[in-house]
Amino acid sequence: MELQTDKPIFFASDQHFGAPTRKESKLREAVFMDWLVHVEQQAGALFLLGDLFDFWFEYKKVVPKGFVRPLGKLATMADQGLPIFYFVGNHDLWMTDYFEKELGIPVFHKPQDFELNGKKFLIGHGDGLGPNDLGYKRMKKVFTNPFLKMLFRWLHPDIGVALAQYLSTKNKLISGAEDIQFLGEDQEWLAQYCRRKLTQQHRDYFLFGHRHLPMQIDLGQNATYINTGDWITHYTYAELNGTTLSLKTWK
């Protein structure tokens, strides 16, 4: 997909609204809403790279309670014609068509190639890519198993959502809490993934979330890997102005 705009393009990930408690989440949500107002006034496009929620599961007739303000704001922004793109993360990989039908926001389940202002991007959430993340790769096979998803759907939403929220914060394989430490430019497994993809096709920028660590790594060959960090500790995002992509902190 190609997108050319003289306005800034914004990228953010890993808000994890709903965690660790609704009360604490509301405080972070207010900060993110403030940022969305800023984006709405300036943006030529908005990319959300996954894990907007700490848990999200779409039943046929039910969506999880809460998150009215960010969902409503995103719907308004999309209705006003702002292109918004959503990439499913490991905490909301059960998304189906709610965003597309209700908000008018396309949803992607795998990394996608974009050309933005003449620069080539590979964009995704980042979970399960590269040589590491082995525990989650095993868990993802369970999460995406059609039979197990059907069994979970049969649970009453009050039970299913409560169970998933508990596991999301308590299970280290699911939460990824053990992995939030910088491994070094050579050992960062998403950077290793980007270097491998670079041998197959040139991109100017590889843009991911998932690691909860804002980072920018030079991959050589005029290519850069950027991780957008999170809205739990860092409150960071990426902004493309013209052809220059940079990490910023919202204060």
C-alpha atoms as a PDB file:
ATOM      1  CA  MET A   1       0.000   0.000   0.000  1.00  0.00           C
ATOM      2  CA  GLU A   2       1.268   3.483  -0.882  1.00  0.00           C
ATOM      3  CA  LEU A   3       0.499   6.599   1.148  1.00  0.00           C
ATOM      4  CA  GLN A   4       1.780  10.088   0.386  1.00  0.00           C
ATOM      5  CA  THR A   5       1.014  12.964   2.742  1.00  0.00           C
ATOM      6  CA  ASP A   6       2.509  16.302   3.686  1.00  0.00           C
ATOM      7  CA  LYS A   7       1.282  15.790   7.257  1.00  0.00           C
ATOM      8  CA  PRO A   8       3.038  13.718   9.959  1.00  0.00           C
ATOM      9  CA  ILE A   9       2.292  10.001  10.207  1.00  0.00           C
ATOM     10  CA  PHE A  10       2.110   8.574  13.729  1.00  0.00           C
ATOM     11  CA  PHE A  11       2.833   5.060  15.072  1.00  0.00           C
ATOM     12  CA  ALA A  12       2.139   3.690  18.570  1.00  0.00           C
ATOM     13  CA  SER A  13       1.729   0.317  20.270  1.00  0.00           C
ATOM     14  CA  ASP A  14       1.286  -1.563  23.529  1.00  0.00           C
ATOM     15  CA  GLN A  15      -1.160   0.535  25.503  1.00  0.00           C
ATOM     16  CA  HIS A  16      -2.529  -2.578  27.271  1.00  0.00           C
ATOM     17  CA  PHE A  17      -5.644  -0.825  28.523  1.00  0.00           C
ATOM     18  CA  GLY A  18      -7.375  -2.771  31.263  1.00  0.00           C
ATOM     19  CA  ALA A  19      -4.126  -3.725  33.039  1.00  0.00           C
ATOM     20  CA  PRO A  20      -3.051  -4.088  35.746  1.00  0.00           C
ATOM     21  CA  THR A  21      -6.330  -2.726  37.168  1.00  0.00           C
ATOM     22  CA  ARG A  22      -9.162  -0.715  35.645  1.00  0.00           C
ATOM     23  CA  LYS A  23      -8.351   2.233  37.923  1.00  0.00           C
ATOM     24  CA  GLU A  24      -4.672   2.392  36.929  1.00  0.00           C
ATOM     25  CA  SER A  25      -5.571   1.796  33.296  1.00  0.00           C
ATOM     26  CA  LYS A  26      -7.912   4.802  33.276  1.00  0.00           C
ATOM     27  CA  LEU A  27      -5.030   7.080  34.255  1.00  0.00           C
ATOM     28  CA  ARG A  28      -2.931   5.859  31.332  1.00  0.00           C
ATOM     29  CA  GLU A  29      -5.942   6.004  29.059  1.00  0.00           C
ATOM     30  CA  ALA A  30      -6.352   9.726  29.814  1.00  0.00           C
ATOM     31  CA  VAL A  31      -2.760  10.369  28.716  1.00  0.00           C
ATOM     32  CA  PHE A  32      -3.296   8.418  25.499  1.00  0.00           C
ATOM     33  CA  MET A  33      -6.525  10.316  24.804  1.00  0.00           C
ATOM     34  CA  ASP A  34      -4.580  13.562  25.139  1.00  0.00           C
ATOM     35  CA  TRP A  35      -2.122  12.250  22.552  1.00  0.00           C
ATOM     36  CA  LEU A  36      -4.966  11.231  20.206  1.00  0.00           C
ATOM     37  CA  VAL A  37      -6.238  14.823  20.269  1.00  0.00           C
ATOM     38  CA  HIS A  38      -2.730  15.918  19.236  1.00  0.00           C
ATOM     39  CA  VAL A  39      -2.691  13.293  16.463  1.00  0.00           C
ATOM     40  CA  GLU A  40      -6.162  14.257  15.261  1.00  0.00           C
ATOM     41  CA  GLN A  41      -5.074  17.867  14.771  1.00  0.00           C
ATOM     42  CA  GLN A  42      -1.915  17.067  12.815  1.00  0.00           C
ATOM     43  CA  ALA A  43      -1.875  13.582  11.340  1.00  0.00           C
ATOM     44  CA  GLY A  44      -1.936  12.400   7.786  1.00  0.00           C
ATOM     45  CA  ALA A  45      -2.318   8.801   9.030  1.00  0.00           C
ATOM     46  CA  LEU A  46      -2.204   6.757  12.232  1.00  0.00           C
ATOM     47  CA  PHE A  47      -0.788   3.258  12.683  1.00  0.00           C
ATOM     48  CA  LEU A  48      -1.588   1.308  15.863  1.00  0.00           C
ATOM     49  CA  LEU A  49       0.781  -1.646  16.155  1.00  0.00           C
ATOM     50  CA  GLY A  50      -1.166  -3.882  18.509  1.00  0.00           C
ATOM     51  CA  ASP A  51      -2.002  -4.590  22.148  1.00  0.00           C
ATOM     52  CA  LEU A  52      -4.219  -1.550  22.510  1.00  0.00           C
ATOM     53  CA  PHE A  53      -5.991  -3.735  25.066  1.00  0.00           C
ATOM     54  CA  ASP A  54      -4.509  -6.129  27.571  1.00  0.00           C
ATOM     55  CA  PHE A  55      -7.210  -8.553  26.469  1.00  0.00           C
ATOM     56  CA  TRP A  56      -9.692  -8.464  23.625  1.00  0.00           C
ATOM     57  CA  PHE A  57     -11.968 -11.248  22.421  1.00  0.00           C
ATOM     58  CA  GLU A  58     -14.852 -10.846  20.001  1.00  0.00           C
ATOM     59  CA  TYR A  59     -17.855 -13.029  20.579  1.00  0.00           C
ATOM     60  CA  LYS A  60     -20.539 -12.995  17.902  1.00  0.00           C
ATOM     61  CA  LYS A  61     -22.705 -10.541  19.842  1.00  0.00           C
ATOM     62  CA  VAL A  62     -20.395  -9.270  22.602  1.00  0.00           C
ATOM     63  CA  VAL A  63     -17.195  -7.237  22.905  1.00  0.00           C
ATOM     64  CA  PRO A  64     -15.348  -6.635  26.200  1.00  0.00           C
ATOM     65  CA  LYS A  65     -16.762  -3.945  28.471  1.00  0.00           C
ATOM     66  CA  GLY A  66     -14.915  -0.633  28.733  1.00  0.00           C
ATOM     67  CA  PHE A  67     -12.552   1.323  26.457  1.00  0.00           C
ATOM     68  CA  VAL A  68     -15.400   3.564  25.268  1.00  0.00           C
ATOM     69  CA  ARG A  69     -13.336   6.747  25.072  1.00  0.00           C
ATOM     70  CA  PRO A  70     -10.426   5.529  22.914  1.00  0.00           C
ATOM     71  CA  LEU A  71     -12.759   3.514  20.690  1.00  0.00           C
ATOM     72  CA  GLY A  72     -15.090   6.472  20.265  1.00  0.00           C
ATOM     73  CA  LYS A  73     -12.190   8.811  19.496  1.00  0.00           C
ATOM     74  CA  LEU A  74     -10.747   6.443  16.924  1.00  0.00           C
ATOM     75  CA  ALA A  75     -14.192   6.095  15.313  1.00  0.00           C
ATOM     76  CA  THR A  76     -14.519   9.889  15.101  1.00  0.00           C
ATOM     77  CA  MET A  77     -11.054  10.255  13.603  1.00  0.00           C
ATOM     78  CA  ALA A  78     -11.792   7.566  11.018  1.00  0.00           C
ATOM     79  CA  ASP A  79     -15.171   9.153  10.207  1.00  0.00           C
ATOM     80  CA  GLN A  80     -13.384  12.439   9.550  1.00  0.00           C
ATOM     81  CA  GLY A  81     -11.299  10.702   6.900  1.00  0.00           C
ATOM     82  CA  LEU A  82      -8.039  10.017   8.750  1.00  0.00           C
ATOM     83  CA  PRO A  83      -6.491   6.749   7.514  1.00  0.00           C
ATOM     84  CA  ILE A  84      -6.015   4.463  10.536  1.00  0.00           C
ATOM     85  CA  PHE A  85      -4.448   1.006  10.398  1.00  0.00           C
ATOM     86  CA  TYR A  86      -4.466  -1.583  13.176  1.00  0.00           C
ATOM     87  CA  PHE A  87      -2.045  -4.502  13.583  1.00  0.00           C
ATOM     88  CA  VAL A  88      -3.137  -7.312  15.879  1.00  0.00           C
ATOM     89  CA  GLY A  89      -0.834  -8.032  18.822  1.00  0.00           C
ATOM     90  CA  ASN A  90      -0.450 -11.050  21.077  1.00  0.00           C
ATOM     91  CA  HIS A  91      -2.983  -9.714  23.599  1.00  0.00           C
ATOM     92  CA  ASP A  92      -5.668  -8.973  21.019  1.00  0.00           C
ATOM     93  CA  LEU A  93      -5.015 -11.666  18.437  1.00  0.00           C
ATOM     94  CA  TRP A  94      -8.653 -12.759  18.674  1.00  0.00           C
ATOM     95  CA  MET A  95      -9.805  -9.670  16.777  1.00  0.00           C
ATOM     96  CA  THR A  96     -12.069 -10.404  13.861  1.00  0.00           C
ATOM     97  CA  ASP A  97     -14.190  -7.717  12.185  1.00  0.00           C
ATOM     98  CA  TYR A  98     -15.368  -5.351  14.940  1.00  0.00           C
ATOM     99  CA  PHE A  99     -12.821  -2.603  14.146  1.00  0.00           C
ATOM    100  CA  GLU A 100     -13.491  -2.864  10.442  1.00  0.00           C
ATOM    101  CA  LYS A 101     -17.295  -2.859  10.669  1.00  0.00           C
ATOM    102  CA  GLU A 102     -17.840  -0.475  13.593  1.00  0.00           C
ATOM    103  CA  LEU A 103     -14.855   1.879  13.332  1.00  0.00           C
ATOM    104  CA  GLY A 104     -13.893   1.658   9.681  1.00  0.00           C
ATOM    105  CA  ILE A 105     -10.335   0.668  10.598  1.00  0.00           C
ATOM    106  CA  PRO A 106      -8.644  -2.146   8.621  1.00  0.00           C
ATOM    107  CA  VAL A 107      -7.037  -4.861  10.758  1.00  0.00           C
ATOM    108  CA  PHE A 108      -3.893  -6.812   9.841  1.00  0.00           C
ATOM    109  CA  HIS A 109      -2.828 -10.088  11.443  1.00  0.00           C
ATOM    110  CA  LYS A 110       0.646 -10.224   9.873  1.00  0.00           C
ATOM    111  CA  PRO A 111       3.372  -7.667   9.062  1.00  0.00           C
ATOM    112  CA  GLN A 112       2.602  -5.648   5.966  1.00  0.00           C
ATOM    113  CA  ASP A 113       4.644  -3.663   3.466  1.00  0.00           C
ATOM    114  CA  PHE A 114       3.824   0.024   3.008  1.00  0.00           C
ATOM    115  CA  GLU A 115       5.356   2.818   1.000  1.00  0.00           C
ATOM    116  CA  LEU A 116       5.016   6.021   3.002  1.00  0.00           C
ATOM    117  CA  ASN A 117       6.227   9.297   1.510  1.00  0.00           C
ATOM    118  CA  GLY A 118       8.465   7.346  -0.831  1.00  0.00           C
ATOM    119  CA  LYS A 119      10.070   5.248   1.924  1.00  0.00           C
ATOM    120  CA  LYS A 120       9.578   1.489   2.156  1.00  0.00           C
ATOM    121  CA  PHE A 121       8.282   0.142   5.494  1.00  0.00           C
ATOM    122  CA  LEU A 122       7.664  -3.301   6.954  1.00  0.00           C
ATOM    123  CA  ILE A 123       5.188  -2.799   9.812  1.00  0.00           C
ATOM    124  CA  GLY A 124       3.743  -5.225  12.361  1.00  0.00           C
ATOM    125  CA  HIS A 125       3.335  -5.945  16.056  1.00  0.00           C
ATOM    126  CA  GLY A 126       6.418  -8.143  16.303  1.00  0.00           C
ATOM    127  CA  ASP A 127       5.245 -11.123  18.355  1.00  0.00           C
ATOM    128  CA  GLY A 128       6.536 -14.539  17.361  1.00  0.00           C
ATOM    129  CA  LEU A 129       9.098 -13.178  14.886  1.00  0.00           C
ATOM    130  CA  GLY A 130      12.803 -13.888  14.851  1.00  0.00           C
ATOM    131  CA  PRO A 131      14.802 -16.595  16.637  1.00  0.00           C
ATOM    132  CA  ASN A 132      13.519 -15.901  20.176  1.00  0.00           C
ATOM    133  CA  ASP A 133      10.079 -15.481  21.793  1.00  0.00           C
ATOM    134  CA  LEU A 134       9.938 -19.290  21.975  1.00  0.00           C
ATOM    135  CA  GLY A 135       7.524 -19.505  24.907  1.00  0.00           C
ATOM    136  CA  TYR A 136       5.021 -17.264  23.230  1.00  0.00           C
ATOM    137  CA  LYS A 137       5.358 -19.131  19.914  1.00  0.00           C
ATOM    138  CA  ARG A 138       4.241 -22.283  21.712  1.00  0.00           C
ATOM    139  CA  MET A 139       1.433 -20.451  23.484  1.00  0.00           C
ATOM    140  CA  LYS A 140       0.233 -18.881  20.230  1.00  0.00           C
ATOM    141  CA  LYS A 141      -0.405 -22.320  18.756  1.00  0.00           C
ATOM    142  CA  VAL A 142      -2.764 -22.919  21.676  1.00  0.00           C
ATOM    143  CA  PHE A 143      -4.411 -19.494  21.432  1.00  0.00           C
ATOM    144  CA  THR A 144      -5.120 -19.791  17.712  1.00  0.00           C
ATOM    145  CA  ASN A 145      -6.275 -23.409  17.741  1.00  0.00           C
ATOM    146  CA  PRO A 146      -9.822 -23.303  16.250  1.00  0.00           C
ATOM    147  CA  PHE A 147     -11.197 -26.000  18.583  1.00  0.00           C
ATOM    148  CA  LEU A 148      -9.829 -24.324  21.717  1.00  0.00           C
ATOM    149  CA  LYS A 149     -11.136 -20.950  20.548  1.00  0.00           C
ATOM    150  CA  MET A 150     -14.556 -22.529  20.134  1.00  0.00           C
ATOM    151  CA  LEU A 151     -14.412 -23.952  23.668  1.00  0.00           C
ATOM    152  CA  PHE A 152     -13.452 -20.558  25.063  1.00  0.00           C
ATOM    153  CA  ARG A 153     -16.302 -18.916  23.171  1.00  0.00           C
ATOM    154  CA  TRP A 154     -18.737 -21.234  24.944  1.00  0.00           C
ATOM    155  CA  LEU A 155     -17.723 -19.788  28.306  1.00  0.00           C
ATOM    156  CA  HIS A 156     -19.948 -17.017  29.600  1.00  0.00           C
ATOM    157  CA  PRO A 157     -18.158 -13.702  28.831  1.00  0.00           C
ATOM    158  CA  ASP A 158     -18.065 -12.805  32.547  1.00  0.00           C
ATOM    159  CA  ILE A 159     -16.057 -15.977  33.163  1.00  0.00           C
ATOM    160  CA  GLY A 160     -13.981 -16.021  29.983  1.00  0.00           C
ATOM    161  CA  VAL A 161     -12.893 -12.373  30.087  1.00  0.00           C
ATOM    162  CA  ALA A 162     -12.096 -12.500  33.812  1.00  0.00           C
ATOM    163  CA  LEU A 163      -9.997 -15.650  33.324  1.00  0.00           C
ATOM    164  CA  ALA A 164      -8.130 -14.162  30.374  1.00  0.00           C
ATOM    165  CA  GLN A 165      -7.426 -10.901  32.206  1.00  0.00           C
ATOM    166  CA  TYR A 166      -6.056 -12.819  35.177  1.00  0.00           C
ATOM    167  CA  LEU A 167      -3.760 -14.930  33.009  1.00  0.00           C
ATOM    168  CA  SER A 168      -2.679 -11.894  31.016  1.00  0.00           C
ATOM    169  CA  THR A 169      -1.126 -10.260  34.059  1.00  0.00           C
ATOM    170  CA  LYS A 170      -0.027 -13.358  36.016  1.00  0.00           C
ATOM    171  CA  ASN A 171       1.335 -15.696  33.356  1.00  0.00           C
ATOM    172  CA  LYS A 172       4.825 -14.552  32.332  1.00  0.00           C
ATOM    173  CA  LEU A 173       4.671 -16.309  28.968  1.00  0.00           C
ATOM    174  CA  ILE A 174       1.532 -14.366  28.109  1.00  0.00           C
ATOM    175  CA  SER A 175       2.403 -11.029  29.667  1.00  0.00           C
ATOM    176  CA  GLY A 176       6.013 -11.072  28.465  1.00  0.00           C
ATOM    177  CA  ALA A 177       7.068  -9.317  31.670  1.00  0.00           C
ATOM    178  CA  GLU A 178      10.292 -11.324  31.874  1.00  0.00           C
ATOM    179  CA  ASP A 179      11.431 -10.184  28.435  1.00  0.00           C
ATOM    180  CA  ILE A 180      11.400  -6.401  28.906  1.00  0.00           C
ATOM    181  CA  GLN A 181      15.143  -5.838  28.977  1.00  0.00           C
ATOM    182  CA  PHE A 182      17.443  -4.629  26.241  1.00  0.00           C
ATOM    183  CA  LEU A 183      19.517  -7.491  24.858  1.00  0.00           C
ATOM    184  CA  GLY A 184      22.028  -5.453  22.860  1.00  0.00           C
ATOM    185  CA  GLU A 185      21.848  -4.460  19.209  1.00  0.00           C
ATOM    186  CA  ASP A 186      23.275  -7.781  18.001  1.00  0.00           C
ATOM    187  CA  GLN A 187      21.044  -9.926  20.236  1.00  0.00           C
ATOM    188  CA  GLU A 188      17.711  -8.164  19.898  1.00  0.00           C
ATOM    189  CA  TRP A 189      15.695 -10.859  18.146  1.00  0.00           C
ATOM    190  CA  LEU A 190      13.423  -8.484  16.257  1.00  0.00           C
ATOM    191  CA  ALA A 191      16.517  -6.745  14.913  1.00  0.00           C
ATOM    192  CA  GLN A 192      17.823 -10.160  13.855  1.00  0.00           C
ATOM    193  CA  TYR A 193      14.515 -10.795  12.091  1.00  0.00           C
ATOM    194  CA  CYS A 194      14.809  -7.438  10.306  1.00  0.00           C
ATOM    195  CA  ARG A 195      18.351  -8.188   9.150  1.00  0.00           C
ATOM    196  CA  ARG A 196      17.184 -11.494   7.691  1.00  0.00           C
ATOM    197  CA  LYS A 197      14.278  -9.817   5.884  1.00  0.00           C
ATOM    198  CA  LEU A 198      16.692  -7.187   4.593  1.00  0.00           C
ATOM    199  CA  THR A 199      18.597  -9.873   2.676  1.00  0.00           C
ATOM    200  CA  GLN A 200      15.374 -10.750   0.860  1.00  0.00           C
ATOM    201  CA  GLN A 201      14.058  -7.268   0.099  1.00  0.00           C
ATOM    202  CA  HIS A 202      15.171  -3.754   0.940  1.00  0.00           C
ATOM    203  CA  ARG A 203      13.104  -1.643   3.312  1.00  0.00           C
ATOM    204  CA  ASP A 204      14.086   1.721   4.655  1.00  0.00           C
ATOM    205  CA  TYR A 205      12.337   1.144   7.975  1.00  0.00           C
ATOM    206  CA  PHE A 206      11.241  -1.883   9.985  1.00  0.00           C
ATOM    207  CA  LEU A 207       8.681  -0.753  12.551  1.00  0.00           C
ATOM    208  CA  PHE A 208       7.409  -2.970  15.380  1.00  0.00           C
ATOM    209  CA  GLY A 209       6.077  -2.919  18.927  1.00  0.00           C
ATOM    210  CA  HIS A 210       5.755  -5.854  21.350  1.00  0.00           C
ATOM    211  CA  ARG A 211       9.126  -5.390  23.096  1.00  0.00           C
ATOM    212  CA  HIS A 212       7.865  -2.492  25.269  1.00  0.00           C
ATOM    213  CA  LEU A 213      11.273  -0.898  24.769  1.00  0.00           C
ATOM    214  CA  PRO A 214      11.714   2.192  22.601  1.00  0.00           C
ATOM    215  CA  MET A 215      14.758   1.562  20.450  1.00  0.00           C
ATOM    216  CA  GLN A 216      16.330   2.550  17.174  1.00  0.00           C
ATOM    217  CA  ILE A 217      18.937   0.259  15.609  1.00  0.00           C
ATOM    218  CA  ASP A 218      20.924   0.873  12.439  1.00  0.00           C
ATOM    219  CA  LEU A 219      20.731  -2.297  10.349  1.00  0.00           C
ATOM    220  CA  GLY A 220      23.183  -1.154   7.697  1.00  0.00           C
ATOM    221  CA  GLN A 221      22.314  -0.788   4.007  1.00  0.00           C
ATOM    222  CA  ASN A 222      20.465   2.454   4.823  1.00  0.00           C
ATOM    223  CA  ALA A 223      17.848   0.537   6.830  1.00  0.00           C
ATOM    224  CA  THR A 224      16.652   1.160  10.396  1.00  0.00           C
ATOM    225  CA  TYR A 225      14.697  -0.884  12.921  1.00  0.00           C
ATOM    226  CA  ILE A 226      12.518   1.128  15.294  1.00  0.00           C
ATOM    227  CA  ASN A 227      10.473  -0.196  18.200  1.00  0.00           C
ATOM    228  CA  THR A 228       7.720   2.117  19.395  1.00  0.00           C
ATOM    229  CA  GLY A 229       8.005   1.176  23.091  1.00  0.00           C
ATOM    230  CA  ASP A 230       4.823   1.294  25.190  1.00  0.00           C
ATOM    231  CA  TRP A 231       2.251   3.421  27.027  1.00  0.00           C
ATOM    232  CA  ILE A 232       2.826   1.764  30.397  1.00  0.00           C
ATOM    233  CA  THR A 233       6.312   2.981  31.282  1.00  0.00           C
ATOM    234  CA  HIS A 234       7.705   4.987  28.365  1.00  0.00           C
ATOM    235  CA  TYR A 235       4.757   6.723  26.629  1.00  0.00           C
ATOM    236  CA  THR A 236       6.667   6.696  23.360  1.00  0.00           C
ATOM    237  CA  TYR A 237       5.651   6.765  19.721  1.00  0.00           C
ATOM    238  CA  ALA A 238       7.208   7.162  16.297  1.00  0.00           C
ATOM    239  CA  GLU A 239       6.532  10.064  13.965  1.00  0.00           C
ATOM    240  CA  LEU A 240       7.283  10.283  10.248  1.00  0.00           C
ATOM    241  CA  ASN A 241       7.824  13.837   9.041  1.00  0.00           C
ATOM    242  CA  GLY A 242       8.451  13.838   5.326  1.00  0.00           C
ATOM    243  CA  THR A 243      10.917  10.985   4.945  1.00  0.00           C
ATOM    244  CA  THR A 244      12.444  11.151   8.434  1.00  0.00           C
ATOM    245  CA  LEU A 245      11.208   8.755  11.118  1.00  0.00           C
ATOM    246  CA  SER A 246      11.983   9.503  14.751  1.00  0.00           C
ATOM    247  CA  LEU A 247      11.065   8.266  18.229  1.00  0.00           C
ATOM    248  CA  LYS A 248       9.345  10.703  20.545  1.00  0.00           C
ATOM    249  CA  THR A 249       8.012  10.742  24.107  1.00  0.00           C
ATOM    250  CA  TRP A 250       4.612  12.202  24.924  1.00  0.00           C
ATOM    251  CA  LYS A 251       4.767  14.566  27.913  1.00  0.00           C
END
